Amino acid sequence: MTIPTLTLNDGHSIPQLGFGVFKVDPAETERIVSDALEAGYRHIDTAAIYGNEEGVGRAIASSGIPRDELFITTKLWNDRQAGDEPLAAIDESLDKLGLEAVDLYLVHWPAPANGNYVNAWEKLVQIRDAGKTRSIGVSNHLPRHLDEIIAATGVTPAVDQIELHPAYQQRDVTQYAADHGILIESWGPLGQGKYPLFEEQPVAAAAAAHGKTPAQVVLRWHLQQGYIVFPKSTSSARIRENLDVFDFELTADEQAAITALERGGRVSAHPDDVN
């Protein structure tokens, strides 16, 4: 099975489906990521704040998979955005991951009350130029934050990783991204189980029509929207199931019906409130 790749605005490619380790117990991370790598995932998304970079690193080291076949993302936390802190933070993350460089390094939140996100982005440009990450991007940044960091540096993020699922599609951000060549990564792609997404008629109907689970249908919706997506699971069976989404395609009508589920249904924090 070949996972499709997308081309970032810096010319590098990224697997469109990956494996996320948000809220994965550090003690369980090595086993779970090893399961994901064995299942066929090659894109792993972690973050300093998750506390499980060491487990990801151990799974990478024991996998035997050549480094150039893997795509590893980690993120700069809010309390490391000031001064030269990002330069120290990436070194700490690389040490925990056991890597010389990551493939993508993200500013985790703009944390606007702290006033350091422009500095953080300037330092990420330096980190990229030093060869400690191939690509740089942001997470949870709104158009006004993106305008500021691009104006300050002339460097456009490769990705913006945002909360995105059928009830909450952030069309202002996705339109901005499309206009500026930024790829969207969907976090919480299944709504984090905080609303009955799988019972929504368009999702259930498409699942029945294609002989797939509702989760597989929603992941397929993300992929056909052109988004990068990384579902998280700690179950080996679910890890494999989430990867089994490349042998069917939603019709235009099915895709449109799921898109019509938008209702401003954010299930997590607003970027202005995480500092």
Protein backbone atom coordinates (compact mmCIF):
# COMPACT_ATOMS: atom_id res chain seq x y z
CA MET A 1 0.00 0.00 0.00
CA THR A 2 1.31 3.40 -0.98
CA ILE A 3 0.22 6.44 1.02
CA PRO A 4 -0.15 9.47 -1.27
CA THR A 5 2.21 12.40 -0.80
CA LEU A 6 1.61 16.11 -1.25
CA THR A 7 4.23 18.67 -2.24
CA LEU A 8 4.92 21.47 0.24
CA ASN A 9 5.62 25.04 -0.87
CA ASP A 10 9.34 24.48 -0.21
CA GLY A 11 9.47 21.55 -2.65
CA HIS A 12 9.60 18.77 -0.07
CA SER A 13 6.92 16.09 0.01
CA ILE A 14 4.79 14.96 2.93
CA PRO A 15 2.72 11.76 3.35
CA GLN A 16 -0.94 12.80 3.34
CA LEU A 17 -1.92 10.34 6.08
CA GLY A 18 0.10 10.06 9.26
CA PHE A 19 -0.13 8.91 12.85
CA GLY A 20 -0.69 11.34 15.71
CA VAL A 21 0.43 10.75 19.31
CA PHE A 22 -1.49 13.53 21.10
CA LYS A 23 -2.44 12.23 24.58
CA VAL A 24 -0.64 8.94 24.01
CA ASP A 25 0.77 7.79 27.37
CA PRO A 26 4.58 8.21 27.29
CA ALA A 27 4.93 4.75 28.81
CA GLU A 28 2.93 3.26 25.92
CA THR A 29 4.27 5.41 23.09
CA GLU A 30 7.07 3.15 21.90
CA ARG A 31 4.72 0.16 21.58
CA ILE A 32 1.94 2.14 19.91
CA VAL A 33 4.20 3.93 17.42
CA SER A 34 5.92 0.61 16.65
CA ASP A 35 2.48 -0.85 15.87
CA ALA A 36 1.78 2.11 13.57
CA LEU A 37 5.09 1.77 11.75
CA GLU A 38 4.53 -1.97 11.36
CA ALA A 39 1.05 -1.29 9.95
CA GLY A 40 2.58 0.95 7.27
CA TYR A 41 2.49 4.51 8.62
CA ARG A 42 5.60 6.52 7.78
CA HIS A 43 4.51 9.97 9.03
CA ILE A 44 4.52 10.50 12.83
CA ASP A 45 3.28 13.73 14.43
CA THR A 46 4.41 14.52 17.99
CA ALA A 47 5.16 17.65 20.05
CA ALA A 48 7.36 18.67 22.95
CA ILE A 49 4.31 19.25 25.17
CA TYR A 50 3.04 15.70 24.60
CA GLY A 51 5.91 14.37 26.71
CA ASN A 52 6.37 11.34 24.48
CA GLU A 53 9.15 12.29 22.06
CA GLU A 54 11.48 9.73 23.70
CA GLY A 55 9.00 6.92 23.02
CA VAL A 56 8.64 8.02 19.40
CA GLY A 57 12.43 8.05 19.13
CA ARG A 58 12.76 4.55 20.53
CA ALA A 59 10.14 3.25 18.11
CA ILE A 60 11.97 4.85 15.18
CA ALA A 61 15.31 3.42 16.30
CA SER A 62 13.98 -0.12 16.76
CA SER A 63 11.92 -0.13 13.55
CA GLY A 64 14.82 -0.67 11.19
CA ILE A 65 13.09 1.63 8.70
CA PRO A 66 15.57 3.86 6.83
CA ARG A 67 15.41 7.44 8.07
CA ASP A 68 14.70 8.81 4.60
CA GLU A 69 11.50 6.75 4.46
CA LEU A 70 10.09 8.44 7.57
CA PHE A 71 8.48 11.86 8.04
CA ILE A 72 8.73 13.13 11.62
CA THR A 73 7.05 16.28 12.94
CA THR A 74 7.43 17.90 16.34
CA LYS A 75 6.39 21.27 17.75
CA LEU A 76 7.69 24.22 19.76
CA TRP A 77 5.67 24.82 22.92
CA ASN A 78 4.34 28.26 23.95
CA ASP A 79 6.77 28.86 26.83
CA ARG A 80 9.78 28.46 24.51
CA GLN A 81 8.91 31.17 21.97
CA ALA A 82 10.88 34.10 23.43
CA GLY A 83 14.45 35.09 22.65
CA ASP A 84 16.69 32.19 21.66
CA GLU A 85 14.54 29.62 23.45
CA PRO A 86 13.37 28.00 20.17
CA LEU A 87 17.00 27.21 19.34
CA ALA A 88 17.41 25.32 22.62
CA ALA A 89 13.98 23.68 22.30
CA ILE A 90 14.69 22.07 18.93
CA ASP A 91 17.96 20.65 20.24
CA GLU A 92 16.10 19.13 23.20
CA SER A 93 13.46 17.62 20.92
CA LEU A 94 16.08 16.19 18.56
CA ASP A 95 17.93 14.67 21.51
CA LYS A 96 14.74 13.01 22.78
CA LEU A 97 13.83 11.77 19.31
CA GLY A 98 17.35 10.53 18.66
CA LEU A 99 17.45 12.38 15.34
CA GLU A 100 19.80 14.82 13.67
CA ALA A 101 16.86 16.64 12.10
CA VAL A 102 13.08 16.44 11.88
CA ASP A 103 11.16 16.74 8.64
CA LEU A 104 8.77 19.41 9.93
CA TYR A 105 8.97 21.74 12.92
CA LEU A 106 5.89 23.73 13.94
CA VAL A 107 5.10 26.66 16.20
CA HIS A 108 2.43 24.89 18.26
CA TRP A 109 0.15 27.88 19.05
CA PRO A 110 0.50 31.61 18.37
CA ALA A 111 0.00 32.28 22.11
CA PRO A 112 -0.85 35.91 21.29
CA ALA A 113 -0.97 37.13 24.90
CA ASN A 114 2.75 36.37 25.16
CA GLY A 115 3.58 38.38 22.03
CA ASN A 116 6.38 36.08 20.89
CA TYR A 117 5.01 34.24 17.86
CA VAL A 118 6.81 36.46 15.32
CA ASN A 119 10.09 35.86 17.14
CA ALA A 120 9.33 32.14 17.25
CA TRP A 121 8.80 32.10 13.49
CA GLU A 122 12.02 34.04 12.88
CA LYS A 123 13.89 31.45 14.93
CA LEU A 124 12.24 28.57 13.03
CA VAL A 125 13.64 30.05 9.82
CA GLN A 126 17.10 29.95 11.46
CA ILE A 127 16.51 26.36 12.60
CA ARG A 128 15.59 25.34 9.06
CA ASP A 129 18.61 27.13 7.64
CA ALA A 130 20.83 25.31 10.16
CA GLY A 131 19.58 21.97 8.81
CA LYS A 132 17.78 20.86 11.98
CA THR A 133 14.46 20.62 10.16
CA ARG A 134 13.70 20.29 6.46
CA SER A 135 10.44 22.23 6.55
CA ILE A 136 8.79 24.69 8.94
CA GLY A 137 5.18 25.51 9.62
CA VAL A 138 2.69 26.52 12.24
CA SER A 139 -0.27 25.12 14.11
CA ASN A 140 -3.46 26.88 15.21
CA HIS A 141 -2.51 30.13 13.47
CA LEU A 142 -5.31 32.35 12.15
CA PRO A 143 -4.99 34.59 9.08
CA ARG A 144 -3.95 37.62 11.15
CA HIS A 145 -1.11 35.65 12.77
CA LEU A 146 -0.05 34.32 9.38
CA ASP A 147 -0.04 37.82 7.89
CA GLU A 148 2.29 39.02 10.64
CA ILE A 149 4.85 36.23 10.46
CA ILE A 150 4.99 36.30 6.67
CA ALA A 151 5.38 40.08 6.63
CA ALA A 152 8.18 39.90 9.21
CA THR A 153 10.23 37.22 7.45
CA GLY A 154 9.11 36.83 3.86
CA VAL A 155 8.80 33.11 4.64
CA THR A 156 5.41 31.42 4.26
CA PRO A 157 4.73 28.38 6.47
CA ALA A 158 4.62 25.06 4.66
CA VAL A 159 1.60 23.95 6.69
CA ASP A 160 -0.94 25.18 9.21
CA GLN A 161 -2.16 22.40 11.49
CA ILE A 162 -5.63 23.31 12.75
CA GLU A 163 -8.68 21.80 14.39
CA LEU A 164 -10.75 20.62 11.44
CA HIS A 165 -13.61 18.14 11.16
CA PRO A 166 -16.98 18.18 9.39
CA ALA A 167 -18.76 20.31 12.02
CA TYR A 168 -15.90 22.84 12.16
CA GLN A 169 -14.04 23.50 8.93
CA GLN A 170 -12.38 26.92 9.53
CA ARG A 171 -13.07 28.09 6.00
CA ASP A 172 -11.42 31.48 6.59
CA VAL A 173 -8.16 29.69 7.43
CA THR A 174 -8.42 27.09 4.67
CA GLN A 175 -9.12 29.78 2.07
CA TYR A 176 -6.16 31.85 3.27
CA ALA A 177 -3.99 28.73 3.12
CA ALA A 178 -5.13 27.93 -0.42
CA ASP A 179 -4.40 31.50 -1.51
CA HIS A 180 -0.88 31.39 -0.01
CA GLY A 181 0.23 27.86 -0.92
CA ILE A 182 0.01 26.59 2.66
CA LEU A 183 -1.16 23.00 3.14
CA ILE A 184 -3.73 22.28 5.84
CA GLU A 185 -3.20 19.55 8.40
CA SER A 186 -6.37 18.49 10.22
CA TRP A 187 -6.07 17.75 13.92
CA GLY A 188 -9.02 16.23 15.76
CA PRO A 189 -10.17 14.99 12.33
CA LEU A 190 -12.95 12.87 13.82
CA GLY A 191 -14.12 15.58 16.23
CA GLN A 192 -12.36 13.90 19.17
CA GLY A 193 -15.56 11.95 19.87
CA LYS A 194 -17.15 15.10 21.31
CA TYR A 195 -20.23 15.00 19.10
CA PRO A 196 -22.04 12.13 17.35
CA LEU A 197 -20.29 12.61 14.01
CA PHE A 198 -20.55 8.95 13.04
CA GLU A 199 -24.34 9.06 13.43
CA GLU A 200 -24.72 11.99 11.01
CA GLN A 201 -26.80 10.78 8.07
CA PRO A 202 -24.31 11.62 5.29
CA VAL A 203 -21.50 9.85 7.14
CA ALA A 204 -23.56 6.77 8.02
CA ALA A 205 -25.01 6.55 4.50
CA ALA A 206 -21.58 6.75 2.84
CA ALA A 207 -20.22 4.12 5.23
CA ALA A 208 -23.05 1.75 4.32
CA ALA A 209 -22.65 2.45 0.60
CA HIS A 210 -18.92 1.69 0.57
CA GLY A 211 -18.79 -1.06 3.18
CA LYS A 212 -16.55 1.11 5.35
CA THR A 213 -16.73 2.40 8.91
CA PRO A 214 -17.90 5.97 9.59
CA ALA A 215 -14.38 6.84 10.74
CA GLN A 216 -12.93 5.65 7.44
CA VAL A 217 -15.48 7.74 5.57
CA VAL A 218 -14.57 10.90 7.49
CA LEU A 219 -10.85 10.31 6.97
CA ARG A 220 -11.54 9.83 3.25
CA TRP A 221 -13.43 13.16 3.26
CA HIS A 222 -10.32 14.90 4.64
CA LEU A 223 -8.07 13.28 2.06
CA GLN A 224 -10.36 14.25 -0.83
CA GLN A 225 -10.42 17.82 0.49
CA GLY A 226 -6.65 17.83 0.01
CA TYR A 227 -5.90 17.95 3.73
CA ILE A 228 -3.14 16.10 5.56
CA VAL A 229 -4.63 14.02 8.33
CA PHE A 230 -3.28 11.94 11.22
CA PRO A 231 -5.82 10.04 13.28
CA LYS A 232 -4.68 8.88 16.70
CA SER A 233 -5.53 5.51 18.17
CA THR A 234 -3.99 3.21 20.76
CA SER A 235 -5.72 0.10 19.37
CA SER A 236 -3.75 -2.00 16.88
CA ALA A 237 -6.94 -2.88 15.00
CA ARG A 238 -8.04 0.75 14.78
CA ILE A 239 -4.54 1.86 13.78
CA ARG A 240 -4.78 -0.49 10.79
CA GLU A 241 -8.38 0.40 10.04
CA ASN A 242 -7.51 4.11 9.85
CA LEU A 243 -4.92 3.29 7.18
CA ASP A 244 -7.39 1.31 5.08
CA VAL A 245 -8.88 4.30 3.28
CA PHE A 246 -7.25 4.18 -0.15
CA ASP A 247 -9.40 1.55 -1.84
CA PHE A 248 -12.56 3.64 -2.19
CA GLU A 249 -13.59 7.17 -3.12
CA LEU A 250 -16.52 9.27 -1.97
CA THR A 251 -18.74 10.56 -4.76
CA ALA A 252 -19.04 14.29 -5.28
CA ASP A 253 -22.50 14.17 -3.71
CA GLU A 254 -21.29 12.24 -0.66
CA GLN A 255 -18.39 14.64 -0.23
CA ALA A 256 -20.70 17.66 -0.50
CA ALA A 257 -23.18 16.22 1.99
CA ILE A 258 -20.45 15.75 4.59
CA THR A 259 -19.09 19.24 3.90
CA ALA A 260 -22.61 20.57 4.55
CA LEU A 261 -22.33 19.39 8.19
CA GLU A 262 -20.42 22.61 9.03
CA ARG A 263 -21.98 24.39 11.99
CA GLY A 264 -19.17 26.20 13.74
CA GLY A 265 -18.79 23.30 16.13
CA ARG A 266 -15.33 23.87 17.61
CA VAL A 267 -14.57 21.19 20.22
CA SER A 268 -11.26 22.52 21.52
CA ALA A 269 -9.72 25.85 22.53
CA HIS A 270 -9.65 29.04 20.47
CA PRO A 271 -6.11 30.05 19.45
CA ASP A 272 -6.45 33.38 21.26
CA ASP A 273 -7.08 31.54 24.54
CA VAL A 274 -4.03 29.21 24.62
CA ASN A 275 -1.03 31.10 25.94
